[in-house]
Amino acid sequence: MAHITKSIDELVAEQGGVDRQDTFDQLWAITTELFEKVKARFELTQDPCSVGDYSGKDGAQGFLSAWAGPEIDWLIYSWTGNPKASFTNMHLTINLGPQYDVPHFGFALGTTPDLFFYQDYMPRKDLWTNPEYADKYYNGEANDTYIEWERNERFQHFISRHMYTRVAQSPCSLAYGGAVCAEGIDDLRKVAHAQLDRWIAWVDAAELQPKETRAAQAERDLLIRQTITEGDPANIVVENLFGKELCDHLVAALWGRDRTLPRPE
């Protein structure tokens, strides 16, 4: 399998005026299907720091909602970009509360103008020093899915240029780019639902963690979430579309800087 090592802004700059409205509509529908499934399982309240709809240059638009609940520390359901001019990016990122050690769920779809896909079970522990945790969540089906996608001839492995982003990815992280086609979008829908269903089953079966470990877990979760969000190389594309002030506000909302709802304990 070939690899994609160009940054998102480079990929968009190479083909900056491609109409991807139909592709965006299909990808956003997949993201919404997942969000509805999550809402059916978890108690969620929308935080007042949610940005809602916003707009930028030359038809660029977006939507950002942030949610929390008794089991969910921070959930982002959002999209940004210009569907008629190559770039779109949509997220369903779910950070669990510290009462669980189940990995977080990260998910993104987009157009660059080719298809972009990311999904990972973000580790809550150091996998090197917690081999039982690594085996429990990353061996078996998660590892099989990773190998399957490495063999998928419709997609190429996307390698982030941001070193910390790569540090924060698990060994089973799915990050790929591919040509826009019906078969590729069907692949994305199938794997997205399978990965989310597996994650929900993990949460359903999870044992509560000792209360004395939860403060440190919550601190670690927040640090990683903030560092990844603020360092995302795609932020420059958003800044170009919406200006630095709004971009900074969006980034802050993604990690929950101005949240109102309490964090779960």
Protein backbone atom coordinates (compact mmCIF):
# COMPACT_ATOMS: atom_id res chain seq x y z
CA MET A 1 0.00 0.00 0.00
CA ALA A 2 1.23 3.49 -0.88
CA HIS A 3 1.19 6.20 1.77
CA ILE A 4 -0.08 9.78 1.79
CA THR A 5 2.44 12.09 3.44
CA LYS A 6 1.20 15.43 2.13
CA SER A 7 -0.60 17.63 4.63
CA ILE A 8 -4.32 18.42 4.36
CA ASP A 9 -3.60 22.00 3.28
CA GLU A 10 -1.26 20.73 0.54
CA LEU A 11 -3.85 18.28 -0.75
CA VAL A 12 -6.53 20.98 -0.82
CA ALA A 13 -4.21 23.51 -2.49
CA GLU A 14 -3.49 21.06 -5.30
CA GLN A 15 -7.21 20.73 -6.15
CA GLY A 16 -8.89 23.69 -4.50
CA GLY A 17 -12.05 24.14 -6.53
CA VAL A 18 -13.67 20.72 -6.78
CA ASP A 19 -17.40 20.51 -6.03
CA ARG A 20 -17.86 17.80 -3.40
CA GLN A 21 -21.34 18.72 -2.18
CA ASP A 22 -22.81 15.29 -2.96
CA THR A 23 -19.88 13.51 -1.28
CA PHE A 24 -20.15 15.77 1.75
CA ASP A 25 -23.86 15.03 2.06
CA GLN A 26 -23.18 11.29 2.09
CA LEU A 27 -20.33 11.53 4.61
CA TRP A 28 -22.27 13.84 6.90
CA ALA A 29 -25.16 11.37 6.78
CA ILE A 30 -22.80 8.63 8.02
CA THR A 31 -21.55 10.87 10.83
CA THR A 32 -25.13 11.71 11.80
CA GLU A 33 -26.09 8.02 11.83
CA LEU A 34 -23.32 7.40 14.34
CA PHE A 35 -24.31 10.39 16.47
CA GLU A 36 -27.92 9.22 16.62
CA LYS A 37 -26.72 5.79 17.74
CA VAL A 38 -24.64 7.40 20.50
CA LYS A 39 -27.56 9.58 21.64
CA ALA A 40 -29.72 6.47 21.91
CA ARG A 41 -27.20 4.90 24.30
CA PHE A 42 -25.91 7.80 26.43
CA GLU A 43 -27.53 10.60 28.39
CA LEU A 44 -26.27 13.80 26.76
CA THR A 45 -26.78 17.52 27.28
CA GLN A 46 -25.57 20.15 24.83
CA ASP A 47 -23.07 22.56 26.38
CA PRO A 48 -23.70 26.33 26.03
CA CYS A 49 -20.22 26.75 24.53
CA SER A 50 -21.47 25.03 21.36
CA VAL A 51 -20.90 27.33 18.40
CA GLY A 52 -23.81 26.16 16.24
CA ASP A 53 -23.84 27.32 12.62
CA TYR A 54 -21.14 29.68 11.37
CA SER A 55 -19.84 31.00 8.04
CA GLY A 56 -16.64 32.29 6.47
CA LYS A 57 -15.12 33.25 3.13
CA ASP A 58 -16.53 32.40 -0.29
CA GLY A 59 -19.27 30.06 0.90
CA ALA A 60 -17.35 28.33 3.67
CA GLN A 61 -19.64 27.15 6.48
CA GLY A 62 -19.67 24.95 9.51
CA PHE A 63 -21.50 23.64 12.54
CA LEU A 64 -20.15 22.70 15.96
CA SER A 65 -22.02 21.20 18.89
CA ALA A 66 -20.46 20.03 22.15
CA TRP A 67 -22.10 17.59 24.55
CA ALA A 68 -21.48 16.03 27.95
CA GLY A 69 -23.23 13.67 30.35
CA PRO A 70 -22.83 11.36 33.32
CA GLU A 71 -20.68 8.94 31.31
CA ILE A 72 -19.37 11.32 28.65
CA ASP A 73 -16.75 13.93 29.51
CA TRP A 74 -16.82 15.67 26.12
CA LEU A 75 -18.43 14.86 22.78
CA ILE A 76 -18.02 16.85 19.58
CA TYR A 77 -20.41 16.55 16.64
CA SER A 78 -19.33 19.01 13.98
CA TRP A 79 -18.40 19.83 10.42
CA THR A 80 -16.45 22.61 8.74
CA GLY A 81 -15.31 23.60 5.26
CA ASN A 82 -16.70 24.40 1.83
CA PRO A 83 -18.40 21.42 0.18
CA LYS A 84 -18.31 23.16 -3.21
CA ALA A 85 -14.58 23.93 -3.00
CA SER A 86 -12.80 20.68 -2.10
CA PHE A 87 -12.35 20.83 1.68
CA THR A 88 -14.71 19.46 4.30
CA ASN A 89 -14.01 17.91 7.68
CA MET A 90 -16.51 16.38 10.09
CA HIS A 91 -16.03 14.95 13.56
CA LEU A 92 -17.65 12.67 16.07
CA THR A 93 -15.18 12.60 18.93
CA ILE A 94 -16.24 11.00 22.22
CA ASN A 95 -14.23 11.31 25.42
CA LEU A 96 -15.47 9.10 28.25
CA GLY A 97 -15.54 10.06 31.89
CA PRO A 98 -12.77 8.93 34.26
CA GLN A 99 -14.96 6.24 35.83
CA TYR A 100 -14.02 4.08 32.82
CA ASP A 101 -10.66 3.13 31.34
CA VAL A 102 -12.23 2.18 27.99
CA PRO A 103 -10.46 4.00 25.12
CA HIS A 104 -12.02 7.16 23.77
CA PHE A 105 -13.69 7.08 20.34
CA GLY A 106 -12.27 9.33 17.65
CA PHE A 107 -13.89 9.61 14.22
CA ALA A 108 -13.51 11.98 11.27
CA LEU A 109 -14.58 12.03 7.65
CA GLY A 110 -13.86 14.62 5.00
CA THR A 111 -12.89 15.62 1.49
CA THR A 112 -9.50 16.95 0.46
CA PRO A 113 -11.10 16.75 -2.27
CA ASP A 114 -10.47 12.99 -2.15
CA LEU A 115 -12.02 10.95 0.64
CA PHE A 116 -10.41 11.28 4.06
CA PHE A 117 -11.13 8.88 6.93
CA TYR A 118 -9.87 8.62 10.50
CA GLN A 119 -11.04 6.40 13.33
CA ASP A 120 -9.20 5.38 16.45
CA TYR A 121 -9.76 3.98 19.90
CA MET A 122 -7.65 6.51 21.79
CA PRO A 123 -5.76 4.77 24.63
CA ARG A 124 -6.38 5.77 28.23
CA LYS A 125 -3.21 4.00 29.42
CA ASP A 126 0.35 3.55 28.22
CA LEU A 127 0.15 0.44 26.07
CA TRP A 128 3.83 -0.45 26.59
CA THR A 129 3.49 -0.81 30.34
CA ASN A 130 -0.09 -2.14 30.33
CA PRO A 131 0.08 -5.16 28.01
CA GLU A 132 -3.16 -6.65 29.36
CA TYR A 133 -4.98 -3.40 28.50
CA ALA A 134 -3.39 -3.39 25.04
CA ASP A 135 -4.44 -6.97 24.45
CA LYS A 136 -7.97 -6.40 25.73
CA TYR A 137 -8.81 -3.47 23.46
CA TYR A 138 -6.40 -3.58 20.53
CA ASN A 139 -5.84 -7.24 19.80
CA GLY A 140 -8.48 -9.38 18.13
CA GLU A 141 -11.18 -7.58 16.12
CA ALA A 142 -9.62 -4.11 16.30
CA ASN A 143 -6.30 -5.42 15.03
CA ASP A 144 -8.03 -7.51 12.36
CA THR A 145 -9.84 -4.40 11.10
CA TYR A 146 -6.57 -2.48 10.90
CA ILE A 147 -4.92 -5.25 8.84
CA GLU A 148 -8.00 -5.46 6.62
CA TRP A 149 -7.81 -1.73 5.88
CA GLU A 150 -4.11 -1.87 5.20
CA ARG A 151 -5.06 -4.32 2.42
CA ASN A 152 -7.94 -2.21 1.08
CA GLU A 153 -6.87 -1.25 -2.44
CA ARG A 154 -9.32 1.66 -2.58
CA PHE A 155 -7.47 3.56 0.16
CA GLN A 156 -3.96 4.73 1.02
CA HIS A 157 -2.58 5.06 4.53
CA PHE A 158 -2.58 8.74 5.60
CA ILE A 159 0.43 9.70 7.74
CA SER A 160 0.09 12.92 9.72
CA ARG A 161 3.03 15.29 9.60
CA HIS A 162 2.23 16.33 13.16
CA MET A 163 4.47 14.21 15.35
CA TYR A 164 2.30 14.43 18.47
CA THR A 165 -0.73 13.30 16.49
CA ARG A 166 1.15 10.16 15.56
CA VAL A 167 2.25 9.68 19.18
CA ALA A 168 -1.38 9.85 20.30
CA GLN A 169 -2.60 7.27 17.78
CA SER A 170 -3.03 3.64 18.76
CA PRO A 171 -1.44 0.77 16.80
CA CYS A 172 -4.89 0.10 15.32
CA SER A 173 -5.60 3.66 14.23
CA LEU A 174 -7.38 3.91 10.87
CA ALA A 175 -6.25 6.93 8.83
CA TYR A 176 -6.73 6.77 5.07
CA GLY A 177 -7.33 8.70 1.91
CA GLY A 178 -8.89 7.47 -1.31
CA ALA A 179 -10.63 8.41 -4.52
CA VAL A 180 -14.29 9.39 -4.29
CA CYS A 181 -16.43 6.44 -5.36
CA ALA A 182 -19.60 4.70 -4.23
CA GLU A 183 -17.67 1.60 -3.17
CA GLY A 184 -15.32 3.64 -1.00
CA ILE A 185 -18.17 5.45 0.75
CA ASP A 186 -19.87 2.09 1.35
CA ASP A 187 -16.63 0.81 2.92
CA LEU A 188 -16.58 3.86 5.21
CA ARG A 189 -20.17 3.40 6.35
CA LYS A 190 -19.65 -0.27 7.17
CA VAL A 191 -16.44 0.17 9.13
CA ALA A 192 -17.74 3.26 10.94
CA HIS A 193 -20.75 1.43 12.34
CA ALA A 194 -18.75 -1.68 13.17
CA GLN A 195 -16.11 0.30 15.06
CA LEU A 196 -18.73 2.29 17.00
CA ASP A 197 -20.78 -0.79 17.86
CA ARG A 198 -17.66 -2.47 19.23
CA TRP A 199 -16.83 0.60 21.32
CA ILE A 200 -20.35 0.84 22.79
CA ALA A 201 -20.16 -2.85 23.72
CA TRP A 202 -16.90 -2.15 25.57
CA VAL A 203 -18.54 0.63 27.56
CA ASP A 204 -21.55 -1.56 28.35
CA ALA A 205 -19.23 -4.23 29.76
CA ALA A 206 -16.81 -1.89 31.54
CA GLU A 207 -16.13 -2.02 35.25
CA LEU A 208 -15.98 1.21 37.23
CA GLN A 209 -12.48 2.39 38.06
CA PRO A 210 -11.41 3.13 41.66
CA LYS A 211 -12.37 6.67 42.69
CA GLU A 212 -8.81 7.45 43.76
CA THR A 213 -7.58 7.01 40.16
CA ARG A 214 -10.14 9.22 38.47
CA ALA A 215 -8.67 12.68 39.03
CA ALA A 216 -5.39 11.70 37.39
CA GLN A 217 -7.27 10.03 34.53
CA ALA A 218 -9.36 13.16 33.94
CA GLU A 219 -6.25 15.36 33.96
CA ARG A 220 -4.51 13.10 31.44
CA ASP A 221 -7.57 13.00 29.18
CA LEU A 222 -7.88 16.78 29.08
CA LEU A 223 -4.18 17.37 28.44
CA ILE A 224 -4.13 15.00 25.49
CA ARG A 225 -7.40 16.36 24.06
CA GLN A 226 -6.16 19.94 24.22
CA THR A 227 -2.73 19.15 22.81
CA ILE A 228 -4.08 17.19 19.85
CA THR A 229 -6.74 19.79 19.04
CA GLU A 230 -4.48 22.81 19.23
CA GLY A 231 -1.74 21.10 17.20
CA ASP A 232 -3.95 19.73 14.41
CA PRO A 233 -2.21 20.63 11.12
CA ALA A 234 -5.61 21.07 9.44
CA ASN A 235 -6.26 24.11 11.66
CA ILE A 236 -4.47 26.28 9.08
CA VAL A 237 -7.09 25.35 6.47
CA VAL A 238 -9.87 26.39 8.86
CA GLU A 239 -8.02 29.62 9.67
CA ASN A 240 -7.75 30.45 5.97
CA LEU A 241 -11.49 29.92 5.51
CA PHE A 242 -12.80 31.60 8.66
CA GLY A 243 -10.06 33.87 9.99
CA LYS A 244 -7.83 33.42 13.02
CA GLU A 245 -10.28 34.71 15.64
CA LEU A 246 -13.09 32.32 14.73
CA CYS A 247 -10.63 29.47 14.15
CA ASP A 248 -9.21 29.92 17.65
CA HIS A 249 -12.74 29.96 19.07
CA LEU A 250 -13.60 26.74 17.24
CA VAL A 251 -10.43 25.01 18.41
CA ALA A 252 -11.16 26.02 22.02
CA ALA A 253 -14.67 24.60 21.75
CA LEU A 254 -13.33 21.32 20.36
CA TRP A 255 -11.37 20.61 23.54
CA GLY A 256 -13.79 22.31 25.93
CA ARG A 257 -11.90 25.35 27.17
CA ASP A 258 -15.07 27.33 27.88
CA ARG A 259 -17.37 24.49 28.86
CA THR A 260 -20.19 25.09 31.34
CA LEU A 261 -21.34 21.54 32.08
CA PRO A 262 -19.48 19.73 34.87
CA ARG A 263 -17.09 16.92 34.10
CA PRO A 264 -18.19 13.43 35.22
CA GLU A 265 -16.50 11.94 38.26
